[in-house]
Amino acid sequence: MTDQDAGLSRDLARRNWVILALMVVVSLAWRSAEVTFGVLGGGLVVALNYHWMGNSLAKLLADPRRAPQRKAWAGLNFLLRLMIVAIVIYLLLAHMRVHPAGLAVGLSVYVVNLLYSTLKRLY
């Protein structure tokens, strides 16, 4: 692991919030609450899911002696996280009436972040 890789997870998490804030500000140009709340809702889902995933992975890798026991929990944790994300997305679309395109843009925060990080490291 290089020095550049040491803080990668922290930098990605911080940059998620910056990209989300920029996307929300840009979505205000549409002057539609549904679009803005879609972007915000999708970005929050992604950011919180990333945080939850990072904590789960840290616990799994923290104690190698307990890895076999935690491996089963990690699989269940993954399914639980996936179900909760699906339910939240359903609630955002069905009950809060956010715009689907705005939600898709918000959900792409992490993809934009990874693309930016990759291009930054290449150039």
C-alpha atoms as a PDB file:
ATOM      1  CA  MET A   1       0.000   0.000   0.000  1.00  0.00           C
ATOM      2  CA  THR A   2       1.374   3.360  -0.984  1.00  0.00           C
ATOM      3  CA  ASP A   3       0.999   6.628   0.911  1.00  0.00           C
ATOM      4  CA  GLN A   4      -1.486   7.689  -1.731  1.00  0.00           C
ATOM      5  CA  ASP A   5      -3.697   4.664  -0.923  1.00  0.00           C
ATOM      6  CA  ALA A   6      -3.637   5.143   2.841  1.00  0.00           C
ATOM      7  CA  GLY A   7      -6.363   7.774   3.028  1.00  0.00           C
ATOM      8  CA  LEU A   8      -8.282   6.714  -0.069  1.00  0.00           C
ATOM      9  CA  SER A   9     -11.405   5.547   1.753  1.00  0.00           C
ATOM     10  CA  ARG A  10     -11.566   8.709   3.837  1.00  0.00           C
ATOM     11  CA  ASP A  11     -11.022  10.876   0.754  1.00  0.00           C
ATOM     12  CA  LEU A  12     -13.735   9.028  -1.167  1.00  0.00           C
ATOM     13  CA  ALA A  13     -16.196   9.437   1.696  1.00  0.00           C
ATOM     14  CA  ARG A  14     -15.454  13.156   2.009  1.00  0.00           C
ATOM     15  CA  ARG A  15     -15.624  13.692  -1.739  1.00  0.00           C
ATOM     16  CA  ASN A  16     -19.025  11.913  -1.854  1.00  0.00           C
ATOM     17  CA  TRP A  17     -20.451  14.739   0.255  1.00  0.00           C
ATOM     18  CA  VAL A  18     -18.826  17.436  -1.885  1.00  0.00           C
ATOM     19  CA  ILE A  19     -20.122  15.900  -5.127  1.00  0.00           C
ATOM     20  CA  LEU A  20     -23.577  15.491  -3.603  1.00  0.00           C
ATOM     21  CA  ALA A  21     -23.631  19.151  -2.551  1.00  0.00           C
ATOM     22  CA  LEU A  22     -22.594  20.229  -6.062  1.00  0.00           C
ATOM     23  CA  MET A  23     -25.252  18.018  -7.635  1.00  0.00           C
ATOM     24  CA  VAL A  24     -27.937  19.430  -5.344  1.00  0.00           C
ATOM     25  CA  VAL A  25     -26.909  23.000  -6.183  1.00  0.00           C
ATOM     26  CA  VAL A  26     -27.011  22.217  -9.919  1.00  0.00           C
ATOM     27  CA  SER A  27     -30.414  20.524  -9.523  1.00  0.00           C
ATOM     28  CA  LEU A  28     -31.819  23.790  -8.174  1.00  0.00           C
ATOM     29  CA  ALA A  29     -31.611  25.123 -11.747  1.00  0.00           C
ATOM     30  CA  TRP A  30     -34.588  22.899 -12.643  1.00  0.00           C
ATOM     31  CA  ARG A  31     -36.704  24.770 -10.070  1.00  0.00           C
ATOM     32  CA  SER A  32     -38.429  21.536  -9.198  1.00  0.00           C
ATOM     33  CA  ALA A  33     -38.560  20.262  -5.638  1.00  0.00           C
ATOM     34  CA  GLU A  34     -39.073  16.707  -6.921  1.00  0.00           C
ATOM     35  CA  VAL A  35     -35.803  16.798  -8.889  1.00  0.00           C
ATOM     36  CA  THR A  36     -33.825  18.386  -6.065  1.00  0.00           C
ATOM     37  CA  PHE A  37     -35.204  15.992  -3.452  1.00  0.00           C
ATOM     38  CA  GLY A  38     -34.507  13.102  -5.840  1.00  0.00           C
ATOM     39  CA  VAL A  39     -30.868  14.110  -6.163  1.00  0.00           C
ATOM     40  CA  LEU A  40     -30.577  14.685  -2.420  1.00  0.00           C
ATOM     41  CA  GLY A  41     -32.356  11.439  -1.517  1.00  0.00           C
ATOM     42  CA  GLY A  42     -30.305   9.337  -3.918  1.00  0.00           C
ATOM     43  CA  GLY A  43     -27.065  10.920  -2.737  1.00  0.00           C
ATOM     44  CA  LEU A  44     -27.929  10.334   0.909  1.00  0.00           C
ATOM     45  CA  VAL A  45     -28.763   6.692   0.195  1.00  0.00           C
ATOM     46  CA  VAL A  46     -25.409   6.194  -1.522  1.00  0.00           C
ATOM     47  CA  ALA A  47     -23.398   8.055   1.124  1.00  0.00           C
ATOM     48  CA  LEU A  48     -25.005   6.209   4.038  1.00  0.00           C
ATOM     49  CA  ASN A  49     -24.704   2.873   2.242  1.00  0.00           C
ATOM     50  CA  TYR A  50     -20.995   3.560   1.633  1.00  0.00           C
ATOM     51  CA  HIS A  51     -20.515   4.394   5.315  1.00  0.00           C
ATOM     52  CA  TRP A  52     -22.353   1.246   6.433  1.00  0.00           C
ATOM     53  CA  MET A  53     -20.379  -0.900   3.985  1.00  0.00           C
ATOM     54  CA  GLY A  54     -17.077   0.573   5.203  1.00  0.00           C
ATOM     55  CA  ASN A  55     -17.925  -0.144   8.840  1.00  0.00           C
ATOM     56  CA  SER A  56     -18.947  -3.713   7.995  1.00  0.00           C
ATOM     57  CA  LEU A  57     -15.718  -4.317   6.098  1.00  0.00           C
ATOM     58  CA  ALA A  58     -13.615  -2.820   8.888  1.00  0.00           C
ATOM     59  CA  LYS A  59     -15.238  -5.149  11.433  1.00  0.00           C
ATOM     60  CA  LEU A  60     -14.713  -8.135   9.159  1.00  0.00           C
ATOM     61  CA  LEU A  61     -11.020  -7.378   8.699  1.00  0.00           C
ATOM     62  CA  ALA A  62     -10.333  -6.158  12.252  1.00  0.00           C
ATOM     63  CA  ASP A  63      -9.753  -9.510  13.957  1.00  0.00           C
ATOM     64  CA  PRO A  64      -8.433 -12.309  11.682  1.00  0.00           C
ATOM     65  CA  ARG A  65      -9.085 -14.953  14.360  1.00  0.00           C
ATOM     66  CA  ARG A  66     -12.805 -14.236  14.294  1.00  0.00           C
ATOM     67  CA  ALA A  67     -13.028 -13.986  10.495  1.00  0.00           C
ATOM     68  CA  PRO A  68     -14.896 -17.315   9.993  1.00  0.00           C
ATOM     69  CA  GLN A  69     -17.667 -16.253  12.385  1.00  0.00           C
ATOM     70  CA  ARG A  70     -17.896 -12.769  10.933  1.00  0.00           C
ATOM     71  CA  LYS A  71     -17.932 -14.075   7.365  1.00  0.00           C
ATOM     72  CA  ALA A  72     -21.465 -15.417   7.743  1.00  0.00           C
ATOM     73  CA  TRP A  73     -22.581 -12.171   9.369  1.00  0.00           C
ATOM     74  CA  ALA A  74     -21.012 -10.189   6.530  1.00  0.00           C
ATOM     75  CA  GLY A  75     -23.187 -12.020   4.007  1.00  0.00           C
ATOM     76  CA  LEU A  76     -26.320 -11.379   6.042  1.00  0.00           C
ATOM     77  CA  ASN A  77     -25.270  -7.771   6.559  1.00  0.00           C
ATOM     78  CA  PHE A  78     -24.881  -7.356   2.794  1.00  0.00           C
ATOM     79  CA  LEU A  79     -28.384  -8.715   2.153  1.00  0.00           C
ATOM     80  CA  LEU A  80     -29.857  -6.573   4.913  1.00  0.00           C
ATOM     81  CA  ARG A  81     -28.164  -3.468   3.521  1.00  0.00           C
ATOM     82  CA  LEU A  82     -29.393  -4.289   0.010  1.00  0.00           C
ATOM     83  CA  MET A  83     -32.976  -4.779   1.220  1.00  0.00           C
ATOM     84  CA  ILE A  84     -32.939  -1.535   3.200  1.00  0.00           C
ATOM     85  CA  VAL A  85     -31.588   0.404   0.215  1.00  0.00           C
ATOM     86  CA  ALA A  86     -34.293  -1.105  -2.016  1.00  0.00           C
ATOM     87  CA  ILE A  87     -37.011  -0.199   0.510  1.00  0.00           C
ATOM     88  CA  VAL A  88     -35.713   3.368   0.873  1.00  0.00           C
ATOM     89  CA  ILE A  89     -35.613   3.814  -2.913  1.00  0.00           C
ATOM     90  CA  TYR A  90     -39.172   2.460  -3.149  1.00  0.00           C
ATOM     91  CA  LEU A  91     -40.333   4.854  -0.426  1.00  0.00           C
ATOM     92  CA  LEU A  92     -38.625   7.784  -2.134  1.00  0.00           C
ATOM     93  CA  LEU A  93     -40.314   7.005  -5.452  1.00  0.00           C
ATOM     94  CA  ALA A  94     -43.739   5.855  -4.272  1.00  0.00           C
ATOM     95  CA  HIS A  95     -44.445   7.951  -1.205  1.00  0.00           C
ATOM     96  CA  MET A  96     -42.213  11.008  -1.368  1.00  0.00           C
ATOM     97  CA  ARG A  97     -42.762  11.376  -5.112  1.00  0.00           C
ATOM     98  CA  VAL A  98     -39.188  12.296  -6.004  1.00  0.00           C
ATOM     99  CA  HIS A  99     -38.321  12.548  -9.681  1.00  0.00           C
ATOM    100  CA  PRO A 100     -36.823   9.260 -10.967  1.00  0.00           C
ATOM    101  CA  ALA A 101     -34.175  11.045 -13.046  1.00  0.00           C
ATOM    102  CA  GLY A 102     -33.143  13.133 -10.054  1.00  0.00           C
ATOM    103  CA  LEU A 103     -32.947   9.987  -7.941  1.00  0.00           C
ATOM    104  CA  ALA A 104     -30.780   8.286 -10.583  1.00  0.00           C
ATOM    105  CA  VAL A 105     -28.436  11.280 -10.632  1.00  0.00           C
ATOM    106  CA  GLY A 106     -28.222  11.230  -6.842  1.00  0.00           C
ATOM    107  CA  LEU A 107     -27.529   7.501  -6.830  1.00  0.00           C
ATOM    108  CA  SER A 108     -24.644   8.067  -9.240  1.00  0.00           C
ATOM    109  CA  VAL A 109     -22.643  10.157  -6.740  1.00  0.00           C
ATOM    110  CA  TYR A 110     -20.301   7.294  -5.969  1.00  0.00           C
ATOM    111  CA  VAL A 111     -19.808   6.441  -9.656  1.00  0.00           C
ATOM    112  CA  VAL A 112     -18.847  10.063 -10.393  1.00  0.00           C
ATOM    113  CA  ASN A 113     -16.525   9.983  -7.384  1.00  0.00           C
ATOM    114  CA  LEU A 114     -14.766   6.811  -8.555  1.00  0.00           C
ATOM    115  CA  LEU A 115     -14.445   8.159 -12.090  1.00  0.00           C
ATOM    116  CA  TYR A 116     -12.930  11.390 -10.786  1.00  0.00           C
ATOM    117  CA  SER A 117     -10.519   9.521  -8.492  1.00  0.00           C
ATOM    118  CA  THR A 118      -9.418   7.204 -11.284  1.00  0.00           C
ATOM    119  CA  LEU A 119      -8.826  10.029 -13.737  1.00  0.00           C
ATOM    120  CA  LYS A 120      -6.994  12.025 -11.072  1.00  0.00           C
ATOM    121  CA  ARG A 121      -4.611   9.132 -10.418  1.00  0.00           C
ATOM    122  CA  LEU A 122      -4.047   8.456 -14.106  1.00  0.00           C
ATOM    123  CA  TYR A 123      -3.200  12.050 -14.951  1.00  0.00           C
END
